[in-house]
Amino acid sequence: QVQLQESGPGLVKPSQTLSLTCTVSGVAITTSYYYWSWIRQPPGKGLEWMGAIAYSGSTYLSPSLASRTSISRDTSKNQFTLQLGSVTPEDTAVYYCAGGSPLRTTVNGLNEFDYRGQGTQVTVSS
């Protein structure tokens, strides 16, 4: 059974860097043709795809967030990590990790992904 679990601080101060980790079990993140994404949903708004890291280690970022986003991985721990810099209150959202094949860069629903986490609330506030 494949499981994804997001972890990280629930509260981040403005201008700081938000860092979230997704721990994957049941499938290796290096599995060919699998892509591992970060998606968020601000309160009252739709889902926003933020970026992904491929089985190969290549990364794909949303153009609107690319200047302050990075995604990395630790294959020894089967984890991938999101870092979002210079956060503002507008970055308050529920953050999800998800994965599968093919690469998806738009999101209508999380069930479009083969695997997905439960989501974690992140609030940006001083």
Foldseek 3Di string as FASTA:
>chain_A
DKAKAKDFDQEAEAQAKGKIKIQIPDDQQLPPQKKKWKWWDAPPGAIATAWIAHSVRDIGGDPVQVVFWDKGADRVRSMIMIMGGRDDQVPFTWMKMAMDDHDDRDDPDRVVGPYIHPTGTHGYHD
